[in-house]
């Protein structure tokens, strides 16, 4: 019985060593052929269109009155890149630098996504200005309303305020729904925009 156990143990050790040795000496796999070169993909911002920063002259703003005697200021900006396809499926962002205000109300060169509401006050009167962008095919209208219907400040000193639009077709917004488009620095970095 001891002999059988010794033979069995010896065979087991030999079998184990052969197995280990054989598994270390596997045959190299064959390399397959290299496939054809694929086409280059589009740049991440290839379809994004932007304007330069533009500053409408104060004289370009028109004081308009509605049928309900409500006054507001507007200036039209030609934007041929805004198509019906963009309006239906893309995104048009309009940013503003409202440098007409004092630094305590709106710091110089601070960028905000429109619409923007500015509250200011003098002589215990609070003024509320709302800046908005009305977008239509081929046009962006900068629209300013004041709750007191007082446009003296705006008409006299709108020149320092500048605007920029960013047009993002639907293919460039896919998968980016979590992006905070109100943060200009994020949008600028994401789409590699130059100032």
C-alpha atoms as a PDB file:
ATOM      1  CA  UNK A   1       0.000   0.000   0.000  1.00  0.00           C
ATOM      2  CA  UNK A   2       2.879   2.339   0.790  1.00  0.00           C
ATOM      3  CA  UNK A   3       4.301   1.510  -2.606  1.00  0.00           C
ATOM      4  CA  UNK A   4       1.030   2.380  -4.331  1.00  0.00           C
ATOM      5  CA  UNK A   5       0.808   5.640  -2.448  1.00  0.00           C
ATOM      6  CA  UNK A   6       4.412   6.530  -3.356  1.00  0.00           C
ATOM      7  CA  UNK A   7       3.772   5.700  -7.014  1.00  0.00           C
ATOM      8  CA  UNK A   8       0.563   7.708  -7.003  1.00  0.00           C
ATOM      9  CA  UNK A   9       2.256  10.712  -5.336  1.00  0.00           C
ATOM     10  CA  UNK A  10       5.215  10.495  -7.744  1.00  0.00           C
ATOM     11  CA  UNK A  11       2.884  10.354 -10.745  1.00  0.00           C
ATOM     12  CA  UNK A  12       0.910  13.294  -9.405  1.00  0.00           C
ATOM     13  CA  UNK A  13       4.081  15.395  -8.971  1.00  0.00           C
ATOM     14  CA  UNK A  14       5.354  14.460 -12.435  1.00  0.00           C
ATOM     15  CA  UNK A  15       1.969  15.219 -14.001  1.00  0.00           C
ATOM     16  CA  UNK A  16       1.841  18.604 -12.207  1.00  0.00           C
ATOM     17  CA  UNK A  17       5.346  19.547 -13.367  1.00  0.00           C
ATOM     18  CA  UNK A  18       4.559  18.556 -16.960  1.00  0.00           C
ATOM     19  CA  UNK A  19       1.335  20.570 -16.853  1.00  0.00           C
ATOM     20  CA  UNK A  20       3.086  23.660 -15.508  1.00  0.00           C
ATOM     21  CA  UNK A  21       5.881  23.347 -18.046  1.00  0.00           C
ATOM     22  CA  UNK A  22       3.458  22.854 -20.933  1.00  0.00           C
ATOM     23  CA  UNK A  23       1.269  25.835 -19.948  1.00  0.00           C
ATOM     24  CA  UNK A  24       4.324  28.114 -19.911  1.00  0.00           C
ATOM     25  CA  UNK A  25       5.303  27.133 -23.408  1.00  0.00           C
ATOM     26  CA  UNK A  26       2.123  28.013 -25.259  1.00  0.00           C
ATOM     27  CA  UNK A  27       2.211  28.696 -28.963  1.00  0.00           C
ATOM     28  CA  UNK A  28       2.249  32.388 -29.916  1.00  0.00           C
ATOM     29  CA  UNK A  29      -0.988  33.637 -31.445  1.00  0.00           C
ATOM     30  CA  UNK A  30      -0.904  34.795 -35.038  1.00  0.00           C
ATOM     31  CA  UNK A  31      -1.194  38.479 -35.786  1.00  0.00           C
ATOM     32  CA  UNK A  32      -4.099  39.433 -37.997  1.00  0.00           C
ATOM     33  CA  UNK A  33      -3.876  41.804 -40.907  1.00  0.00           C
ATOM     34  CA  UNK A  34      -4.150  45.545 -40.228  1.00  0.00           C
ATOM     35  CA  UNK A  35      -7.397  46.998 -41.529  1.00  0.00           C
ATOM     36  CA  UNK A  36      -7.739  50.107 -43.717  1.00  0.00           C
ATOM     37  CA  UNK A  37      -7.285  53.576 -42.198  1.00  0.00           C
ATOM     38  CA  UNK A  38     -10.555  55.080 -40.996  1.00  0.00           C
ATOM     39  CA  UNK A  39     -11.711  58.584 -41.930  1.00  0.00           C
ATOM     40  CA  UNK A  40     -10.978  61.483 -39.625  1.00  0.00           C
ATOM     41  CA  UNK A  41     -13.830  62.561 -37.376  1.00  0.00           C
ATOM     42  CA  UNK A  42     -15.153  66.109 -37.130  1.00  0.00           C
ATOM     43  CA  UNK A  43     -13.668  68.533 -34.653  1.00  0.00           C
ATOM     44  CA  UNK A  44     -15.800  68.991 -31.559  1.00  0.00           C
ATOM     45  CA  UNK A  45     -16.711  72.543 -32.496  1.00  0.00           C
ATOM     46  CA  UNK A  46     -16.714  72.255 -36.306  1.00  0.00           C
ATOM     47  CA  UNK A  47     -20.398  73.121 -36.595  1.00  0.00           C
ATOM     48  CA  UNK A  48     -20.584  75.776 -33.878  1.00  0.00           C
ATOM     49  CA  UNK A  49     -20.938  79.314 -35.233  1.00  0.00           C
ATOM     50  CA  UNK A  50     -20.179  82.449 -33.253  1.00  0.00           C
ATOM     51  CA  UNK A  51     -20.215  86.158 -33.792  1.00  0.00           C
ATOM     52  CA  UNK A  52     -17.513  88.486 -32.602  1.00  0.00           C
ATOM     53  CA  UNK A  53     -18.423  90.710 -29.683  1.00  0.00           C
ATOM     54  CA  UNK A  54     -20.441  93.585 -31.147  1.00  0.00           C
ATOM     55  CA  UNK A  55     -21.411  96.907 -29.595  1.00  0.00           C
ATOM     56  CA  UNK A  56     -24.477  98.587 -31.096  1.00  0.00           C
ATOM     57  CA  UNK A  57     -24.299 102.367 -31.082  1.00  0.00           C
ATOM     58  CA  UNK A  58     -26.736 103.988 -28.636  1.00  0.00           C
ATOM     59  CA  UNK A  59     -28.393 105.720 -31.583  1.00  0.00           C
ATOM     60  CA  UNK A  60     -29.218 102.322 -33.133  1.00  0.00           C
ATOM     61  CA  UNK A  61     -31.637 101.456 -30.317  1.00  0.00           C
ATOM     62  CA  UNK A  62     -35.228 102.348 -31.086  1.00  0.00           C
ATOM     63  CA  UNK A  63     -37.733 103.361 -28.447  1.00  0.00           C
ATOM     64  CA  UNK A  64     -40.887 101.416 -29.265  1.00  0.00           C
ATOM     65  CA  UNK A  65     -44.361 101.660 -27.765  1.00  0.00           C
ATOM     66  CA  UNK A  66     -46.907  98.852 -27.712  1.00  0.00           C
ATOM     67  CA  UNK A  67     -50.633  99.281 -28.219  1.00  0.00           C
ATOM     68  CA  UNK A  68     -50.943  99.205 -24.403  1.00  0.00           C
ATOM     69  CA  UNK A  69     -48.573 102.213 -24.155  1.00  0.00           C
ATOM     70  CA  UNK A  70     -45.690 100.097 -22.857  1.00  0.00           C
ATOM     71  CA  UNK A  71     -42.262 101.385 -23.894  1.00  0.00           C
ATOM     72  CA  UNK A  72     -39.100  99.384 -24.539  1.00  0.00           C
ATOM     73  CA  UNK A  73     -35.796  99.695 -26.390  1.00  0.00           C
ATOM     74  CA  UNK A  74     -34.705  97.387 -29.192  1.00  0.00           C
ATOM     75  CA  UNK A  75     -31.885  97.022 -31.672  1.00  0.00           C
ATOM     76  CA  UNK A  76     -31.816  94.524 -34.553  1.00  0.00           C
ATOM     77  CA  UNK A  77     -28.702  92.478 -35.275  1.00  0.00           C
ATOM     78  CA  UNK A  78     -28.470  90.620 -38.580  1.00  0.00           C
ATOM     79  CA  UNK A  79     -27.579  86.970 -37.955  1.00  0.00           C
ATOM     80  CA  UNK A  80     -27.784  84.996 -41.235  1.00  0.00           C
ATOM     81  CA  UNK A  81     -26.556  81.831 -39.467  1.00  0.00           C
ATOM     82  CA  UNK A  82     -29.857  81.616 -37.581  1.00  0.00           C
ATOM     83  CA  UNK A  83     -31.941  79.365 -39.823  1.00  0.00           C
ATOM     84  CA  UNK A  84     -35.272  77.662 -39.273  1.00  0.00           C
ATOM     85  CA  UNK A  85     -33.361  74.376 -38.822  1.00  0.00           C
ATOM     86  CA  UNK A  86     -31.324  75.974 -36.008  1.00  0.00           C
ATOM     87  CA  UNK A  87     -34.464  77.386 -34.379  1.00  0.00           C
ATOM     88  CA  UNK A  88     -36.194  73.996 -34.581  1.00  0.00           C
ATOM     89  CA  UNK A  89     -33.320  71.737 -33.521  1.00  0.00           C
ATOM     90  CA  UNK A  90     -30.312  73.735 -32.322  1.00  0.00           C
ATOM     91  CA  UNK A  91     -29.475  76.248 -29.620  1.00  0.00           C
ATOM     92  CA  UNK A  92     -28.850  79.988 -29.959  1.00  0.00           C
ATOM     93  CA  UNK A  93     -27.144  81.546 -26.946  1.00  0.00           C
ATOM     94  CA  UNK A  94     -26.769  85.316 -26.620  1.00  0.00           C
ATOM     95  CA  UNK A  95     -24.265  86.610 -24.080  1.00  0.00           C
ATOM     96  CA  UNK A  96     -23.923  90.190 -22.850  1.00  0.00           C
ATOM     97  CA  UNK A  97     -21.293  92.384 -21.247  1.00  0.00           C
ATOM     98  CA  UNK A  98     -23.403  95.129 -19.718  1.00  0.00           C
ATOM     99  CA  UNK A  99     -20.600  97.613 -19.162  1.00  0.00           C
ATOM    100  CA  UNK A 100     -22.996 100.596 -19.138  1.00  0.00           C
ATOM    101  CA  UNK A 101     -23.664  99.968 -15.447  1.00  0.00           C
ATOM    102  CA  UNK A 102     -21.419 100.854 -12.544  1.00  0.00           C
ATOM    103  CA  UNK A 103     -19.038  98.133 -11.352  1.00  0.00           C
ATOM    104  CA  UNK A 104     -21.045  97.668  -8.153  1.00  0.00           C
ATOM    105  CA  UNK A 105     -24.113  96.663 -10.206  1.00  0.00           C
ATOM    106  CA  UNK A 106     -22.473  94.782 -13.104  1.00  0.00           C
ATOM    107  CA  UNK A 107     -18.653  94.529 -13.152  1.00  0.00           C
ATOM    108  CA  UNK A 108     -16.895  95.485 -16.385  1.00  0.00           C
ATOM    109  CA  UNK A 109     -16.479  92.554 -18.765  1.00  0.00           C
ATOM    110  CA  UNK A 110     -18.653  90.229 -16.683  1.00  0.00           C
ATOM    111  CA  UNK A 111     -20.453  87.974 -19.152  1.00  0.00           C
ATOM    112  CA  UNK A 112     -24.019  86.786 -18.652  1.00  0.00           C
ATOM    113  CA  UNK A 113     -26.439  84.686 -20.685  1.00  0.00           C
ATOM    114  CA  UNK A 114     -29.529  86.642 -21.698  1.00  0.00           C
ATOM    115  CA  UNK A 115     -32.139  87.224 -20.374  1.00  0.00           C
ATOM    116  CA  UNK A 116     -30.519  89.250 -17.605  1.00  0.00           C
ATOM    117  CA  UNK A 117     -32.325  91.273 -14.957  1.00  0.00           C
ATOM    118  CA  UNK A 118     -30.483  94.185 -13.365  1.00  0.00           C
ATOM    119  CA  UNK A 119     -31.713  95.918 -10.222  1.00  0.00           C
ATOM    120  CA  UNK A 120     -30.329  99.314  -9.332  1.00  0.00           C
ATOM    121  CA  UNK A 121     -31.505 102.191  -7.226  1.00  0.00           C
ATOM    122  CA  UNK A 122     -31.086 105.891  -6.629  1.00  0.00           C
ATOM    123  CA  UNK A 123     -33.021 108.273  -4.391  1.00  0.00           C
ATOM    124  CA  UNK A 124     -34.958 105.342  -2.867  1.00  0.00           C
ATOM    125  CA  UNK A 125     -36.281 104.345  -6.283  1.00  0.00           C
ATOM    126  CA  UNK A 126     -35.492 100.844  -7.474  1.00  0.00           C
ATOM    127  CA  UNK A 127     -34.993 100.426 -11.208  1.00  0.00           C
ATOM    128  CA  UNK A 128     -35.316  96.997 -12.789  1.00  0.00           C
ATOM    129  CA  UNK A 129     -33.947  96.546 -16.296  1.00  0.00           C
ATOM    130  CA  UNK A 130     -34.470  93.304 -18.192  1.00  0.00           C
ATOM    131  CA  UNK A 131     -32.224  92.536 -21.162  1.00  0.00           C
ATOM    132  CA  UNK A 132     -33.431  89.804 -23.485  1.00  0.00           C
ATOM    133  CA  UNK A 133     -32.657  88.423 -26.922  1.00  0.00           C
ATOM    134  CA  UNK A 134     -35.522  87.779 -29.298  1.00  0.00           C
ATOM    135  CA  UNK A 135     -34.338  85.317 -31.920  1.00  0.00           C
ATOM    136  CA  UNK A 136     -35.896  84.795 -35.343  1.00  0.00           C
ATOM    137  CA  UNK A 137     -34.665  83.539 -38.715  1.00  0.00           C
ATOM    138  CA  UNK A 138     -31.724  85.733 -39.734  1.00  0.00           C
ATOM    139  CA  UNK A 139     -32.125  88.153 -36.837  1.00  0.00           C
ATOM    140  CA  UNK A 140     -31.391  88.690 -33.165  1.00  0.00           C
ATOM    141  CA  UNK A 141     -33.170  91.558 -31.477  1.00  0.00           C
ATOM    142  CA  UNK A 142     -31.645  92.943 -28.274  1.00  0.00           C
ATOM    143  CA  UNK A 143     -34.640  94.011 -26.177  1.00  0.00           C
ATOM    144  CA  UNK A 144     -34.529  96.142 -23.018  1.00  0.00           C
ATOM    145  CA  UNK A 145     -37.448  96.861 -20.705  1.00  0.00           C
ATOM    146  CA  UNK A 146     -37.566  99.001 -17.586  1.00  0.00           C
ATOM    147  CA  UNK A 147     -40.414  98.538 -15.108  1.00  0.00           C
ATOM    148  CA  UNK A 148     -40.680 102.311 -14.563  1.00  0.00           C
ATOM    149  CA  UNK A 149     -40.652 102.989 -18.318  1.00  0.00           C
ATOM    150  CA  UNK A 150     -37.663 105.268 -17.730  1.00  0.00           C
ATOM    151  CA  UNK A 151     -35.075 104.864 -20.480  1.00  0.00           C
ATOM    152  CA  UNK A 152     -33.093 108.052 -19.922  1.00  0.00           C
ATOM    153  CA  UNK A 153     -30.039 106.201 -18.614  1.00  0.00           C
ATOM    154  CA  UNK A 154     -30.154 103.512 -21.279  1.00  0.00           C
ATOM    155  CA  UNK A 155     -30.632 105.842 -24.242  1.00  0.00           C
ATOM    156  CA  UNK A 156     -27.766 108.087 -23.146  1.00  0.00           C
ATOM    157  CA  UNK A 157     -25.246 105.392 -22.237  1.00  0.00           C
ATOM    158  CA  UNK A 158     -25.747 102.061 -23.992  1.00  0.00           C
ATOM    159  CA  UNK A 159     -22.527 102.151 -26.035  1.00  0.00           C
ATOM    160  CA  UNK A 160     -20.309 100.224 -23.601  1.00  0.00           C
ATOM    161  CA  UNK A 161     -22.618  97.185 -23.611  1.00  0.00           C
ATOM    162  CA  UNK A 162     -21.608  94.434 -26.043  1.00  0.00           C
ATOM    163  CA  UNK A 163     -23.099  91.135 -27.139  1.00  0.00           C
ATOM    164  CA  UNK A 164     -22.112  87.869 -28.742  1.00  0.00           C
ATOM    165  CA  UNK A 165     -24.177  84.995 -30.070  1.00  0.00           C
ATOM    166  CA  UNK A 166     -23.201  81.325 -30.172  1.00  0.00           C
ATOM    167  CA  UNK A 167     -25.140  78.977 -32.444  1.00  0.00           C
ATOM    168  CA  UNK A 168     -24.927  75.269 -31.649  1.00  0.00           C
ATOM    169  CA  UNK A 169     -26.566  72.846 -34.093  1.00  0.00           C
ATOM    170  CA  UNK A 170     -28.401  69.876 -32.592  1.00  0.00           C
ATOM    171  CA  UNK A 171     -25.558  67.435 -33.408  1.00  0.00           C
ATOM    172  CA  UNK A 172     -23.236  69.412 -31.132  1.00  0.00           C
ATOM    173  CA  UNK A 173     -25.636  69.465 -28.183  1.00  0.00           C
ATOM    174  CA  UNK A 174     -26.246  65.703 -28.135  1.00  0.00           C
ATOM    175  CA  UNK A 175     -25.077  64.248 -24.836  1.00  0.00           C
ATOM    176  CA  UNK A 176     -24.366  67.712 -23.431  1.00  0.00           C
ATOM    177  CA  UNK A 177     -27.679  68.372 -21.704  1.00  0.00           C
ATOM    178  CA  UNK A 178     -25.916  68.684 -18.351  1.00  0.00           C
ATOM    179  CA  UNK A 179     -23.799  71.624 -19.566  1.00  0.00           C
ATOM    180  CA  UNK A 180     -24.512  74.910 -17.810  1.00  0.00           C
ATOM    181  CA  UNK A 181     -24.815  77.175 -20.865  1.00  0.00           C
ATOM    182  CA  UNK A 182     -25.219  80.189 -18.573  1.00  0.00           C
ATOM    183  CA  UNK A 183     -21.546  79.782 -17.622  1.00  0.00           C
ATOM    184  CA  UNK A 184     -19.749  81.480 -20.504  1.00  0.00           C
ATOM    185  CA  UNK A 185     -16.313  80.159 -19.476  1.00  0.00           C
ATOM    186  CA  UNK A 186     -17.540  76.547 -19.652  1.00  0.00           C
ATOM    187  CA  UNK A 187     -19.122  77.104 -23.080  1.00  0.00           C
ATOM    188  CA  UNK A 188     -15.995  78.896 -24.302  1.00  0.00           C
ATOM    189  CA  UNK A 189     -13.785  76.003 -23.215  1.00  0.00           C
ATOM    190  CA  UNK A 190     -16.135  73.232 -24.387  1.00  0.00           C
ATOM    191  CA  UNK A 191     -16.443  74.658 -27.905  1.00  0.00           C
ATOM    192  CA  UNK A 192     -12.921  76.181 -28.079  1.00  0.00           C
ATOM    193  CA  UNK A 193     -14.267  79.701 -28.597  1.00  0.00           C
ATOM    194  CA  UNK A 194     -11.908  82.615 -28.894  1.00  0.00           C
ATOM    195  CA  UNK A 195     -12.765  85.977 -27.369  1.00  0.00           C
END
